[in-house]
C-alpha atoms as a PDB file:
ATOM      1  CA  MET A   1     -11.990  95.227 -44.803  1.00  0.00           C
ATOM      2  CA  LYS A   2     -12.440  92.034 -41.873  1.00  0.00           C
ATOM      3  CA  ASN A   3     -14.830  94.211 -39.845  1.00  0.00           C
ATOM      4  CA  LYS A   4     -16.764  95.434 -43.071  1.00  0.00           C
ATOM      5  CA  MET A   5     -17.100  91.606 -43.818  1.00  0.00           C
ATOM      6  CA  VAL A   6     -18.137  90.621 -40.539  1.00  0.00           C
ATOM      7  CA  SER A   7     -21.009  93.423 -40.377  1.00  0.00           C
ATOM      8  CA  PHE A   8     -22.187  92.392 -43.559  1.00  0.00           C
ATOM      9  CA  LEU A   9     -22.550  88.778 -42.417  1.00  0.00           C
ATOM     10  CA  VAL A  10     -24.295  89.792 -39.376  1.00  0.00           C
ATOM     11  CA  LEU A  11     -26.626  91.971 -41.258  1.00  0.00           C
ATOM     12  CA  ALA A  12     -27.112  88.908 -43.866  1.00  0.00           C
ATOM     13  CA  ALA A  13     -27.911  86.668 -41.017  1.00  0.00           C
ATOM     14  CA  ALA A  14     -30.524  89.200 -39.459  1.00  0.00           C
ATOM     15  CA  ALA A  15     -32.477  89.619 -42.492  1.00  0.00           C
ATOM     16  CA  GLY A  16     -32.569  86.037 -43.098  1.00  0.00           C
ATOM     17  CA  VAL A  17     -33.934  85.576 -39.518  1.00  0.00           C
ATOM     18  CA  ALA A  18     -36.553  88.441 -40.300  1.00  0.00           C
ATOM     19  CA  GLN A  19     -37.544  86.679 -43.462  1.00  0.00           C
ATOM     20  CA  ALA A  20     -37.963  83.391 -41.592  1.00  0.00           C
ATOM     21  CA  GLN A  21     -40.454  84.959 -38.994  1.00  0.00           C
ATOM     22  CA  SER A  22     -42.506  86.710 -41.665  1.00  0.00           C
ATOM     23  CA  SER A  23     -44.435  85.543 -45.017  1.00  0.00           C
ATOM     24  CA  VAL A  24     -46.579  87.025 -47.790  1.00  0.00           C
ATOM     25  CA  SER A  25     -48.394  85.361 -50.037  1.00  0.00           C
ATOM     26  CA  ILE A  26     -50.546  85.703 -53.458  1.00  0.00           C
ATOM     27  CA  TYR A  27     -53.825  83.839 -53.973  1.00  0.00           C
ATOM     28  CA  GLY A  28     -56.578  84.008 -56.295  1.00  0.00           C
ATOM     29  CA  ASN A  29     -58.671  82.264 -58.603  1.00  0.00           C
ATOM     30  CA  ILE A  30     -60.495  83.029 -61.996  1.00  0.00           C
ATOM     31  CA  ASP A  31     -63.723  81.868 -62.879  1.00  0.00           C
ATOM     32  CA  LEU A  32     -65.442  82.302 -66.303  1.00  0.00           C
ATOM     33  CA  GLY A  33     -68.303  80.624 -68.241  1.00  0.00           C
ATOM     34  CA  VAL A  34     -71.667  81.378 -69.894  1.00  0.00           C
ATOM     35  CA  SER A  35     -75.135  81.735 -68.726  1.00  0.00           C
ATOM     36  CA  LYS A  36     -78.658  82.347 -69.866  1.00  0.00           C
ATOM     37  CA  LYS A  37     -81.888  83.339 -68.168  1.00  0.00           C
ATOM     38  CA  THR A  38     -85.467  83.064 -69.050  1.00  0.00           C
ATOM     39  CA  GLY A  39     -86.037  86.121 -71.517  1.00  0.00           C
ATOM     40  CA  GLY A  40     -82.509  86.941 -71.540  1.00  0.00           C
ATOM     41  CA  THR A  41     -79.666  86.781 -73.924  1.00  0.00           C
ATOM     42  CA  THR A  42     -76.758  84.144 -73.484  1.00  0.00           C
ATOM     43  CA  VAL A  43     -73.854  86.228 -71.394  1.00  0.00           C
ATOM     44  CA  VAL A  44     -70.299  85.474 -70.284  1.00  0.00           C
ATOM     45  CA  GLY A  45     -69.815  86.005 -66.590  1.00  0.00           C
ATOM     46  CA  ARG A  46     -68.944  84.202 -63.370  1.00  0.00           C
ATOM     47  CA  ARG A  47     -70.616  81.556 -61.192  1.00  0.00           C
ATOM     48  CA  ASP A  48     -68.029  82.606 -58.214  1.00  0.00           C
ATOM     49  CA  ASN A  49     -66.408  85.460 -57.131  1.00  0.00           C
ATOM     50  CA  ASN A  50     -63.138  86.279 -58.818  1.00  0.00           C
ATOM     51  CA  ARG A  51     -60.305  87.222 -56.344  1.00  0.00           C
ATOM     52  CA  LEU A  52     -56.630  88.477 -56.358  1.00  0.00           C
ATOM     53  CA  GLY A  53     -55.368  88.647 -52.670  1.00  0.00           C
ATOM     54  CA  PHE A  54     -52.330  89.242 -50.829  1.00  0.00           C
ATOM     55  CA  ARG A  55     -51.913  88.068 -47.265  1.00  0.00           C
ATOM     56  CA  GLY A  56     -49.118  87.868 -44.587  1.00  0.00           C
ATOM     57  CA  THR A  57     -48.108  87.066 -41.159  1.00  0.00           C
ATOM     58  CA  GLU A  58     -45.289  88.099 -38.759  1.00  0.00           C
ATOM     59  CA  GLU A  59     -44.147  86.097 -35.966  1.00  0.00           C
ATOM     60  CA  LEU A  60     -43.881  88.423 -32.781  1.00  0.00           C
ATOM     61  CA  GLY A  61     -42.910  85.814 -30.291  1.00  0.00           C
ATOM     62  CA  ASP A  62     -44.625  84.041 -27.268  1.00  0.00           C
ATOM     63  CA  GLY A  63     -47.267  82.517 -29.596  1.00  0.00           C
ATOM     64  CA  LEU A  64     -48.669  86.178 -31.159  1.00  0.00           C
ATOM     65  CA  LYS A  65     -48.496  87.159 -34.705  1.00  0.00           C
ATOM     66  CA  ALA A  66     -49.468  90.174 -36.884  1.00  0.00           C
ATOM     67  CA  LEU A  67     -51.444  89.185 -39.834  1.00  0.00           C
ATOM     68  CA  PHE A  68     -52.874  91.365 -42.857  1.00  0.00           C
ATOM     69  CA  GLN A  69     -55.099  90.484 -45.722  1.00  0.00           C
ATOM     70  CA  LEU A  70     -55.850  92.679 -49.088  1.00  0.00           C
ATOM     71  CA  GLU A  71     -58.368  91.051 -51.555  1.00  0.00           C
ATOM     72  CA  ILE A  72     -59.334  92.451 -54.919  1.00  0.00           C
ATOM     73  CA  ARG A  73     -62.358  91.421 -56.775  1.00  0.00           C
ATOM     74  CA  TYR A  74     -62.653  91.590 -60.251  1.00  0.00           C
ATOM     75  CA  ASP A  75     -64.547  90.643 -63.463  1.00  0.00           C
ATOM     76  CA  PRO A  76     -62.405  88.926 -65.644  1.00  0.00           C
ATOM     77  CA  ASP A  77     -64.582  89.010 -68.678  1.00  0.00           C
ATOM     78  CA  VAL A  78     -63.923  92.873 -68.890  1.00  0.00           C
ATOM     79  CA  GLY A  79     -60.918  93.136 -66.855  1.00  0.00           C
ATOM     80  CA  THR A  80     -62.311  95.624 -64.540  1.00  0.00           C
ATOM     81  CA  ILE A  81     -62.890  96.203 -60.764  1.00  0.00           C
ATOM     82  CA  GLU A  82     -65.970  93.997 -59.525  1.00  0.00           C
ATOM     83  CA  GLY A  83     -69.181  95.727 -60.626  1.00  0.00           C
ATOM     84  CA  GLY A  84     -67.083  98.561 -62.174  1.00  0.00           C
ATOM     85  CA  SER A  85     -67.689 100.892 -59.336  1.00  0.00           C
ATOM     86  CA  ARG A  86     -66.698  99.142 -56.092  1.00  0.00           C
ATOM     87  CA  PRO A  87     -63.657  99.766 -53.949  1.00  0.00           C
ATOM     88  CA  LEU A  88     -60.322  98.328 -54.957  1.00  0.00           C
ATOM     89  CA  PHE A  89     -59.962  96.016 -51.926  1.00  0.00           C
ATOM     90  CA  GLN A  90     -63.775  94.981 -52.157  1.00  0.00           C
ATOM     91  CA  GLY A  91     -63.205  91.457 -50.889  1.00  0.00           C
ATOM     92  CA  GLN A  92     -61.388  92.463 -47.740  1.00  0.00           C
ATOM     93  CA  SER A  93     -58.935  94.773 -46.174  1.00  0.00           C
ATOM     94  CA  ARG A  94     -57.909  93.948 -42.578  1.00  0.00           C
ATOM     95  CA  VAL A  95     -54.956  94.106 -40.487  1.00  0.00           C
ATOM     96  CA  GLY A  96     -54.893  92.408 -36.878  1.00  0.00           C
ATOM     97  CA  LEU A  97     -53.210  90.169 -34.297  1.00  0.00           C
ATOM     98  CA  GLN A  98     -53.509  86.309 -33.565  1.00  0.00           C
ATOM     99  CA  GLY A  99     -52.848  84.663 -30.599  1.00  0.00           C
ATOM    100  CA  SER A 100     -54.040  82.401 -27.782  1.00  0.00           C
ATOM    101  CA  PHE A 101     -56.840  84.863 -27.067  1.00  0.00           C
ATOM    102  CA  GLY A 102     -58.119  84.209 -30.601  1.00  0.00           C
ATOM    103  CA  THR A 103     -57.967  86.487 -33.749  1.00  0.00           C
ATOM    104  CA  LEU A 104     -58.394  90.266 -33.809  1.00  0.00           C
ATOM    105  CA  ARG A 105     -58.928  92.267 -36.858  1.00  0.00           C
ATOM    106  CA  PHE A 106     -59.606  95.900 -38.068  1.00  0.00           C
ATOM    107  CA  GLY A 107     -60.840  97.071 -41.543  1.00  0.00           C
ATOM    108  CA  ARG A 108     -63.337  95.790 -44.169  1.00  0.00           C
ATOM    109  CA  GLY A 109     -64.542  92.052 -44.464  1.00  0.00           C
ATOM    110  CA  LEU A 110     -67.465  89.820 -44.506  1.00  0.00           C
ATOM    111  CA  THR A 111     -69.737  89.693 -41.274  1.00  0.00           C
ATOM    112  CA  ALA A 112     -69.653  87.349 -38.705  1.00  0.00           C
ATOM    113  CA  PHE A 113     -72.981  86.050 -39.783  1.00  0.00           C
ATOM    114  CA  GLN A 114     -72.494  86.231 -43.919  1.00  0.00           C
ATOM    115  CA  ASP A 115     -69.230  84.607 -43.214  1.00  0.00           C
ATOM    116  CA  SER A 116     -70.403  81.472 -41.298  1.00  0.00           C
ATOM    117  CA  SER A 117     -73.505  80.805 -43.228  1.00  0.00           C
ATOM    118  CA  ALA A 118     -71.779  79.968 -45.985  1.00  0.00           C
ATOM    119  CA  ALA A 119     -70.621  76.752 -44.773  1.00  0.00           C
ATOM    120  CA  PHE A 120     -74.361  75.568 -44.625  1.00  0.00           C
ATOM    121  CA  ASP A 121     -75.353  76.737 -48.144  1.00  0.00           C
ATOM    122  CA  PRO A 122     -75.824  73.873 -50.765  1.00  0.00           C
ATOM    123  CA  TRP A 123     -73.624  75.811 -53.254  1.00  0.00           C
ATOM    124  CA  ARG A 124     -70.928  76.402 -50.493  1.00  0.00           C
ATOM    125  CA  GLY A 125     -71.613  80.211 -50.645  1.00  0.00           C
ATOM    126  CA  VAL A 126     -70.877  80.546 -54.338  1.00  0.00           C
ATOM    127  CA  PRO A 127     -73.105  83.262 -55.422  1.00  0.00           C
ATOM    128  CA  SER A 128     -74.385  81.277 -58.549  1.00  0.00           C
ATOM    129  CA  THR A 129     -77.789  82.304 -59.610  1.00  0.00           C
ATOM    130  CA  ALA A 130     -78.826  78.632 -59.512  1.00  0.00           C
ATOM    131  CA  GLY A 131     -77.605  78.920 -55.758  1.00  0.00           C
ATOM    132  CA  PHE A 132     -79.091  80.145 -52.242  1.00  0.00           C
ATOM    133  CA  GLN A 133     -76.481  82.468 -50.640  1.00  0.00           C
ATOM    134  CA  THR A 134     -77.364  85.695 -51.893  1.00  0.00           C
ATOM    135  CA  ASP A 135     -81.230  85.433 -51.227  1.00  0.00           C
ATOM    136  CA  LEU A 136     -82.682  82.584 -49.473  1.00  0.00           C
ATOM    137  CA  THR A 137     -79.922  81.724 -47.219  1.00  0.00           C
ATOM    138  CA  VAL A 138     -80.122  85.317 -45.860  1.00  0.00           C
ATOM    139  CA  ALA A 139     -83.864  85.749 -46.015  1.00  0.00           C
ATOM    140  CA  GLY A 140     -83.436  88.451 -48.653  1.00  0.00           C
ATOM    141  CA  TYR A 141     -81.398  90.523 -45.962  1.00  0.00           C
ATOM    142  CA  THR A 142     -78.383  92.661 -46.994  1.00  0.00           C
ATOM    143  CA  SER A 143     -75.838  93.757 -44.448  1.00  0.00           C
ATOM    144  CA  GLN A 144     -75.089  96.972 -46.087  1.00  0.00           C
ATOM    145  CA  PRO A 145     -78.554  99.017 -46.797  1.00  0.00           C
ATOM    146  CA  LEU A 146     -76.712 102.390 -46.460  1.00  0.00           C
ATOM    147  CA  ASP A 147     -73.550 101.852 -48.105  1.00  0.00           C
ATOM    148  CA  PRO A 148     -72.870 103.651 -51.479  1.00  0.00           C
ATOM    149  CA  ALA A 149     -74.836 102.161 -54.586  1.00  0.00           C
ATOM    150  CA  GLY A 150     -72.996  99.105 -55.808  1.00  0.00           C
ATOM    151  CA  SER A 151     -71.726  98.114 -52.686  1.00  0.00           C
ATOM    152  CA  SER A 152     -71.672  94.193 -51.896  1.00  0.00           C
ATOM    153  CA  ALA A 153     -74.416  92.824 -49.566  1.00  0.00           C
ATOM    154  CA  ASN A 154     -72.590  90.844 -47.022  1.00  0.00           C
ATOM    155  CA  ARG A 155     -69.532  93.048 -45.935  1.00  0.00           C
ATOM    156  CA  TRP A 156     -69.034  95.837 -43.411  1.00  0.00           C
ATOM    157  CA  SER A 157     -66.059  98.796 -43.701  1.00  0.00           C
ATOM    158  CA  ASN A 158     -64.918 100.559 -40.580  1.00  0.00           C
ATOM    159  CA  ALA A 159     -65.392  97.604 -38.334  1.00  0.00           C
ATOM    160  CA  VAL A 160     -63.718  95.537 -35.564  1.00  0.00           C
ATOM    161  CA  PHE A 161     -63.701  91.382 -36.288  1.00  0.00           C
ATOM    162  CA  TYR A 162     -63.137  89.005 -33.521  1.00  0.00           C
ATOM    163  CA  ASN A 163     -62.715  84.910 -33.732  1.00  0.00           C
ATOM    164  CA  SER A 164     -62.296  83.287 -30.786  1.00  0.00           C
ATOM    165  CA  PRO A 165     -60.080  80.205 -30.434  1.00  0.00           C
ATOM    166  CA  GLU A 166     -61.731  76.939 -31.216  1.00  0.00           C
ATOM    167  CA  VAL A 167     -62.579  75.061 -28.156  1.00  0.00           C
ATOM    168  CA  ASN A 168     -63.887  71.352 -28.216  1.00  0.00           C
ATOM    169  CA  GLY A 169     -65.322  72.057 -31.854  1.00  0.00           C
ATOM    170  CA  ALA A 170     -67.032  75.612 -30.632  1.00  0.00           C
ATOM    171  CA  GLN A 171     -66.101  79.061 -31.771  1.00  0.00           C
ATOM    172  CA  ILE A 172     -67.540  82.385 -31.286  1.00  0.00           C
ATOM    173  CA  ASN A 173     -67.318  85.239 -33.661  1.00  0.00           C
ATOM    174  CA  VAL A 174     -68.282  88.798 -33.406  1.00  0.00           C
ATOM    175  CA  THR A 175     -68.205  92.099 -35.814  1.00  0.00           C
ATOM    176  CA  VAL A 176     -69.050  95.456 -34.875  1.00  0.00           C
ATOM    177  CA  ALA A 177     -69.002  98.361 -37.166  1.00  0.00           C
ATOM    178  CA  SER A 178     -68.648 102.140 -36.592  1.00  0.00           C
ATOM    179  CA  LYS A 179     -71.535 104.697 -37.043  1.00  0.00           C
ATOM    180  CA  GLU A 180     -69.380 106.248 -39.815  1.00  0.00           C
ATOM    181  CA  ALA A 181     -71.280 107.536 -42.801  1.00  0.00           C
ATOM    182  CA  LEU A 182     -70.023 105.986 -46.148  1.00  0.00           C
ATOM    183  CA  GLY A 183     -71.776 108.328 -48.900  1.00  0.00           C
ATOM    184  CA  ASN A 184     -75.216 106.515 -48.900  1.00  0.00           C
ATOM    185  CA  SER A 185     -78.184 107.551 -50.687  1.00  0.00           C
ATOM    186  CA  ALA A 186     -81.100 108.723 -48.753  1.00  0.00           C
ATOM    187  CA  LEU A 187     -83.301 105.643 -47.410  1.00  0.00           C
ATOM    188  CA  ILE A 188     -87.044 106.957 -46.830  1.00  0.00           C
ATOM    189  CA  GLY A 189     -87.889 104.306 -44.494  1.00  0.00           C
ATOM    190  CA  ARG A 190     -90.649 105.216 -42.238  1.00  0.00           C
ATOM    191  CA  GLY A 191     -89.925 108.973 -43.152  1.00  0.00           C
ATOM    192  CA  THR A 192     -90.750 110.927 -46.060  1.00  0.00           C
ATOM    193  CA  ALA A 193     -89.044 111.977 -49.437  1.00  0.00           C
ATOM    194  CA  ALA A 194     -88.472 115.468 -47.952  1.00  0.00           C
ATOM    195  CA  ALA A 195     -87.449 114.095 -44.507  1.00  0.00           C
ATOM    196  CA  PRO A 196     -86.004 110.453 -44.911  1.00  0.00           C
ATOM    197  CA  GLN A 197     -85.541 108.368 -42.115  1.00  0.00           C
ATOM    198  CA  TYR A 198     -81.975 107.738 -42.915  1.00  0.00           C
ATOM    199  CA  PRO A 199     -80.903 110.929 -44.761  1.00  0.00           C
ATOM    200  CA  ALA A 200     -77.869 110.704 -47.505  1.00  0.00           C
ATOM    201  CA  ASN A 201     -74.466 110.426 -46.387  1.00  0.00           C
ATOM    202  CA  SER A 202     -75.340 110.968 -42.601  1.00  0.00           C
ATOM    203  CA  PRO A 203     -74.021 108.987 -39.261  1.00  0.00           C
ATOM    204  CA  LEU A 204     -75.533 105.899 -38.358  1.00  0.00           C
ATOM    205  CA  LYS A 205     -78.141 105.867 -35.302  1.00  0.00           C
ATOM    206  CA  SER A 206     -76.604 102.957 -33.710  1.00  0.00           C
ATOM    207  CA  ASN A 207     -73.419 100.398 -34.378  1.00  0.00           C
ATOM    208  CA  PRO A 208     -74.265  97.525 -36.611  1.00  0.00           C
ATOM    209  CA  TYR A 209     -73.277  94.472 -35.096  1.00  0.00           C
ATOM    210  CA  SER A 210     -73.043  90.668 -36.068  1.00  0.00           C
ATOM    211  CA  VAL A 211     -72.307  87.336 -34.094  1.00  0.00           C
ATOM    212  CA  SER A 212     -72.108  83.819 -34.747  1.00  0.00           C
ATOM    213  CA  ALA A 213     -71.690  80.721 -32.728  1.00  0.00           C
ATOM    214  CA  THR A 214     -70.538  77.509 -34.566  1.00  0.00           C
ATOM    215  CA  TYR A 215     -70.010  73.874 -33.372  1.00  0.00           C
ATOM    216  CA  LYS A 216     -68.275  70.897 -35.001  1.00  0.00           C
ATOM    217  CA  THR A 217     -68.171  67.340 -33.673  1.00  0.00           C
ATOM    218  CA  GLY A 218     -67.279  64.427 -35.916  1.00  0.00           C
ATOM    219  CA  PRO A 219     -69.540  64.515 -39.176  1.00  0.00           C
ATOM    220  CA  TYR A 220     -71.874  67.187 -37.609  1.00  0.00           C
ATOM    221  CA  ALA A 221     -71.908  70.817 -37.631  1.00  0.00           C
ATOM    222  CA  ALA A 222     -74.197  73.695 -36.300  1.00  0.00           C
ATOM    223  CA  MET A 223     -74.529  77.497 -36.579  1.00  0.00           C
ATOM    224  CA  LEU A 224     -76.881  80.037 -34.461  1.00  0.00           C
ATOM    225  CA  ALA A 225     -76.151  83.671 -35.782  1.00  0.00           C
ATOM    226  CA  ALA A 226     -77.838  87.090 -35.489  1.00  0.00           C
ATOM    227  CA  GLU A 227     -77.066  90.450 -36.983  1.00  0.00           C
ATOM    228  CA  ARG A 228     -78.372  94.207 -36.811  1.00  0.00           C
ATOM    229  CA  ASN A 229     -77.327  96.232 -39.830  1.00  0.00           C
ATOM    230  CA  ALA A 230     -76.915 100.196 -40.462  1.00  0.00           C
ATOM    231  CA  ALA A 231     -80.785 100.541 -40.867  1.00  0.00           C
ATOM    232  CA  GLU A 232     -81.549  98.491 -37.777  1.00  0.00           C
ATOM    233  CA  THR A 233     -82.943  95.782 -39.672  1.00  0.00           C
ATOM    234  CA  LYS A 234     -82.311  92.341 -37.737  1.00  0.00           C
ATOM    235  CA  ILE A 235     -81.955  88.889 -38.752  1.00  0.00           C
ATOM    236  CA  TRP A 236     -81.315  85.414 -36.980  1.00  0.00           C
ATOM    237  CA  SER A 237     -80.630  82.274 -38.605  1.00  0.00           C
ATOM    238  CA  VAL A 238     -79.754  78.510 -37.422  1.00  0.00           C
ATOM    239  CA  ALA A 239     -78.113  75.800 -39.545  1.00  0.00           C
ATOM    240  CA  GLY A 240     -76.812  72.483 -39.455  1.00  0.00           C
ATOM    241  CA  SER A 241     -75.053  69.914 -41.755  1.00  0.00           C
ATOM    242  CA  ALA A 242     -74.302  66.380 -41.589  1.00  0.00           C
ATOM    243  CA  MET A 243     -71.932  64.073 -43.330  1.00  0.00           C
ATOM    244  CA  ALA A 244     -74.510  61.246 -43.875  1.00  0.00           C
ATOM    245  CA  SER A 245     -71.482  59.475 -45.575  1.00  0.00           C
ATOM    246  CA  PRO A 246     -67.992  60.326 -46.737  1.00  0.00           C
ATOM    247  CA  ALA A 247     -69.454  61.096 -50.322  1.00  0.00           C
ATOM    248  CA  LEU A 248     -72.630  62.846 -48.885  1.00  0.00           C
ATOM    249  CA  LYS A 249     -72.862  65.954 -47.198  1.00  0.00           C
ATOM    250  CA  LEU A 250     -76.569  67.130 -45.996  1.00  0.00           C
ATOM    251  CA  THR A 251     -77.295  70.899 -45.226  1.00  0.00           C
ATOM    252  CA  ALA A 252     -80.176  72.752 -43.726  1.00  0.00           C
ATOM    253  CA  SER A 253     -81.329  76.443 -42.673  1.00  0.00           C
ATOM    254  CA  TYR A 254     -83.739  78.482 -41.256  1.00  0.00           C
ATOM    255  CA  GLN A 255     -83.478  82.363 -40.984  1.00  0.00           C
ATOM    256  CA  ARG A 256     -85.904  85.173 -40.172  1.00  0.00           C
ATOM    257  CA  GLN A 257     -85.330  89.104 -41.097  1.00  0.00           C
ATOM    258  CA  ASP A 258     -87.179  91.859 -39.366  1.00  0.00           C
ATOM    259  CA  GLN A 259     -87.266  95.306 -41.130  1.00  0.00           C
ATOM    260  CA  GLY A 260     -89.781  96.833 -38.620  1.00  0.00           C
ATOM    261  CA  ALA A 261     -87.479  99.751 -38.402  1.00  0.00           C
ATOM    262  CA  THR A 262     -88.019 100.950 -41.699  1.00  0.00           C
ATOM    263  CA  LEU A 263     -91.145  99.136 -42.957  1.00  0.00           C
ATOM    264  CA  ALA A 264     -94.870  99.691 -41.802  1.00  0.00           C
ATOM    265  CA  ARG A 265     -96.142  96.723 -43.538  1.00  0.00           C
ATOM    266  CA  ASN A 266     -94.630  93.157 -43.922  1.00  0.00           C
ATOM    267  CA  PRO A 267     -91.713  93.596 -42.180  1.00  0.00           C
ATOM    268  CA  VAL A 268     -90.787  90.006 -41.471  1.00  0.00           C
ATOM    269  CA  THR A 269     -89.405  87.468 -44.113  1.00  0.00           C
ATOM    270  CA  ASN A 270     -88.901  83.761 -43.310  1.00  0.00           C
ATOM    271  CA  ALA A 271     -87.208  81.472 -45.525  1.00  0.00           C
ATOM    272  CA  TRP A 272     -85.608  78.033 -45.223  1.00  0.00           C
ATOM    273  CA  VAL A 273     -83.098  76.014 -47.682  1.00  0.00           C
ATOM    274  CA  THR A 274     -82.572  72.529 -47.741  1.00  0.00           C
ATOM    275  CA  GLY A 275     -79.603  70.649 -49.801  1.00  0.00           C
ATOM    276  CA  ALA A 276     -76.941  68.083 -50.610  1.00  0.00           C
ATOM    277  CA  ASN A 277     -73.676  67.482 -52.096  1.00  0.00           C
ATOM    278  CA  TYR A 278     -72.594  64.139 -53.499  1.00  0.00           C
ATOM    279  CA  THR A 279     -69.100  63.525 -54.431  1.00  0.00           C
ATOM    280  CA  MET A 280     -68.204  60.420 -56.528  1.00  0.00           C
ATOM    281  CA  GLY A 281     -64.575  60.349 -57.774  1.00  0.00           C
ATOM    282  CA  ALA A 282     -63.952  63.526 -59.916  1.00  0.00           C
ATOM    283  CA  GLU A 283     -67.594  64.373 -59.804  1.00  0.00           C
ATOM    284  CA  THR A 284     -69.409  66.507 -57.394  1.00  0.00           C
ATOM    285  CA  PHE A 285     -73.521  66.796 -57.603  1.00  0.00           C
ATOM    286  CA  LEU A 286     -75.187  69.762 -55.755  1.00  0.00           C
ATOM    287  CA  PHE A 287     -78.757  69.969 -55.107  1.00  0.00           C
ATOM    288  CA  GLY A 288     -80.853  72.257 -53.328  1.00  0.00           C
ATOM    289  CA  TYR A 289     -84.474  73.487 -52.413  1.00  0.00           C
ATOM    290  CA  GLY A 290     -85.837  76.621 -50.649  1.00  0.00           C
ATOM    291  CA  GLN A 291     -88.634  79.053 -49.927  1.00  0.00           C
ATOM    292  CA  LYS A 292     -88.765  82.360 -48.888  1.00  0.00           C
ATOM    293  CA  GLN A 293     -92.080  84.518 -47.785  1.00  0.00           C
ATOM    294  CA  PRO A 294     -93.156  87.195 -47.631  1.00  0.00           C
ATOM    295  CA  ASP A 295     -90.816  88.552 -50.369  1.00  0.00           C
ATOM    296  CA  GLY A 296     -93.639  91.712 -50.487  1.00  0.00           C
ATOM    297  CA  VAL A 297     -96.154  88.781 -49.733  1.00  0.00           C
ATOM    298  CA  VAL A 298     -95.520  86.618 -52.914  1.00  0.00           C
ATOM    299  CA  LYS A 299     -93.862  83.292 -52.042  1.00  0.00           C
ATOM    300  CA  THR A 300     -90.537  82.573 -53.503  1.00  0.00           C
ATOM    301  CA  LYS A 301     -89.828  78.888 -54.217  1.00  0.00           C
ATOM    302  CA  GLN A 302     -86.371  78.028 -55.757  1.00  0.00           C
ATOM    303  CA  VAL A 303     -84.791  74.766 -56.781  1.00  0.00           C
ATOM    304  CA  GLY A 304     -81.086  74.290 -57.990  1.00  0.00           C
ATOM    305  CA  LEU A 305     -78.951  71.533 -59.447  1.00  0.00           C
ATOM    306  CA  GLY A 306     -75.132  71.548 -59.930  1.00  0.00           C
ATOM    307  CA  TRP A 307     -72.614  69.635 -61.182  1.00  0.00           C
ATOM    308  CA  GLU A 308     -68.757  70.005 -60.826  1.00  0.00           C
ATOM    309  CA  HIS A 309     -65.793  67.848 -62.537  1.00  0.00           C
ATOM    310  CA  SER A 310     -62.533  68.105 -61.045  1.00  0.00           C
ATOM    311  CA  LEU A 311     -59.559  68.257 -63.476  1.00  0.00           C
ATOM    312  CA  SER A 312     -57.004  68.489 -60.728  1.00  0.00           C
ATOM    313  CA  ALA A 313     -56.756  70.111 -57.301  1.00  0.00           C
ATOM    314  CA  ARG A 314     -57.318  73.439 -58.417  1.00  0.00           C
ATOM    315  CA  THR A 315     -59.503  73.114 -61.538  1.00  0.00           C
ATOM    316  CA  TYR A 316     -62.769  71.891 -62.136  1.00  0.00           C
ATOM    317  CA  LEU A 317     -65.653  72.388 -64.878  1.00  0.00           C
ATOM    318  CA  TYR A 318     -69.185  73.038 -63.611  1.00  0.00           C
ATOM    319  CA  ALA A 319     -72.777  73.472 -64.671  1.00  0.00           C
ATOM    320  CA  ASP A 320     -75.659  74.635 -62.856  1.00  0.00           C
ATOM    321  CA  ALA A 321     -79.321  74.529 -63.668  1.00  0.00           C
ATOM    322  CA  GLY A 322     -82.047  76.208 -61.460  1.00  0.00           C
ATOM    323  CA  ASN A 323     -85.774  77.325 -61.328  1.00  0.00           C
ATOM    324  CA  ARG A 324     -87.224  80.672 -59.235  1.00  0.00           C
ATOM    325  CA  LYS A 325     -90.767  80.707 -59.229  1.00  0.00           C
ATOM    326  CA  ALA A 326     -92.582  83.978 -57.515  1.00  0.00           C
ATOM    327  CA  ALA A 327     -94.833  86.216 -59.192  1.00  0.00           C
ATOM    328  CA  THR A 328     -93.348  84.787 -62.396  1.00  0.00           C
ATOM    329  CA  SER A 329     -91.254  81.724 -63.294  1.00  0.00           C
ATOM    330  CA  VAL A 330     -87.668  82.219 -64.191  1.00  0.00           C
ATOM    331  CA  ASN A 331     -85.532  79.263 -65.508  1.00  0.00           C
ATOM    332  CA  PHE A 332     -81.281  79.773 -65.394  1.00  0.00           C
ATOM    333  CA  TYR A 333     -78.988  77.488 -66.922  1.00  0.00           C
ATOM    334  CA  GLY A 334     -74.826  78.117 -66.773  1.00  0.00           C
ATOM    335  CA  GLY A 335     -71.677  76.627 -67.004  1.00  0.00           C
ATOM    336  CA  GLY A 336     -67.737  77.347 -67.091  1.00  0.00           C
ATOM    337  CA  ILE A 337     -64.513  76.625 -65.647  1.00  0.00           C
ATOM    338  CA  PHE A 338     -62.994  77.714 -62.374  1.00  0.00           C
ATOM    339  CA  HIS A 339     -59.246  77.908 -61.628  1.00  0.00           C
ATOM    340  CA  ARG A 340     -57.585  78.606 -58.162  1.00  0.00           C
ATOM    341  CA  PHE A 341     -54.125  80.114 -58.015  1.00  0.00           C
END
């Protein structure tokens, strides 16, 4: 009996050590509100992406740790996976190692360019219709032109992700995807309907890549980024931000997309966005203005205004208004509540 008790205590101690060396957490948010566009009806929807995630780390010794992250994206107004047809772990699904060399992960997640650019967007990367991240901040570019219909526009599957350590405020981020086919529809491009440039469900011609360099010093930050997607469309972007005061953040970005690999006419799109965030107590005010051209020759002009009222560190109310003018003019209004858990 004594030996059994000693064995039990040893096992219990070992389990306690293992528990101390690893951790798993659940996180997420829920965002719902109402919105309306010119010519449309009032709808219930979201301003931000809704997430339910699981992430964990395990200490391996000598400063090395294993890590993973799985993130579900969902639509709380109807209780389904985001978009109804997207992958279960739409947000990300990655496993990797972190150490003095930086962070190396494999799986699905935001590309280096898409991840870095959100910090220089007036709406902080939130995909509100009044915001700029999903269109002007990326010059109309999509990271996933050959993924199945309904996929998000800023993530890669079957990819390798590397983030260097931050040295004196500077960091390098790199993403490279494989040439694997993902069940895409045909992309005619410079081909014909009978012989499309990118046939359906066919392997890619080259590996997509994405790289960004970011730098932070005091109240200033900057980014230089470039990416080439599966259809060999290219984009590069330069962006910066400054804390003009403890309450006022100013942002600006310029981006250039080149679709010359698939478009014979008007392959280049230029865009720029400027913005400001001003915080006064529990209130935060957002402003942005930007332009995009050619967007099929017609220039797009967009302006957005936003307001947030913090009820706590995890909950805030919001309201957005925006106008987008190209061939026609469209107004947008929306408001709701955001809660993080």
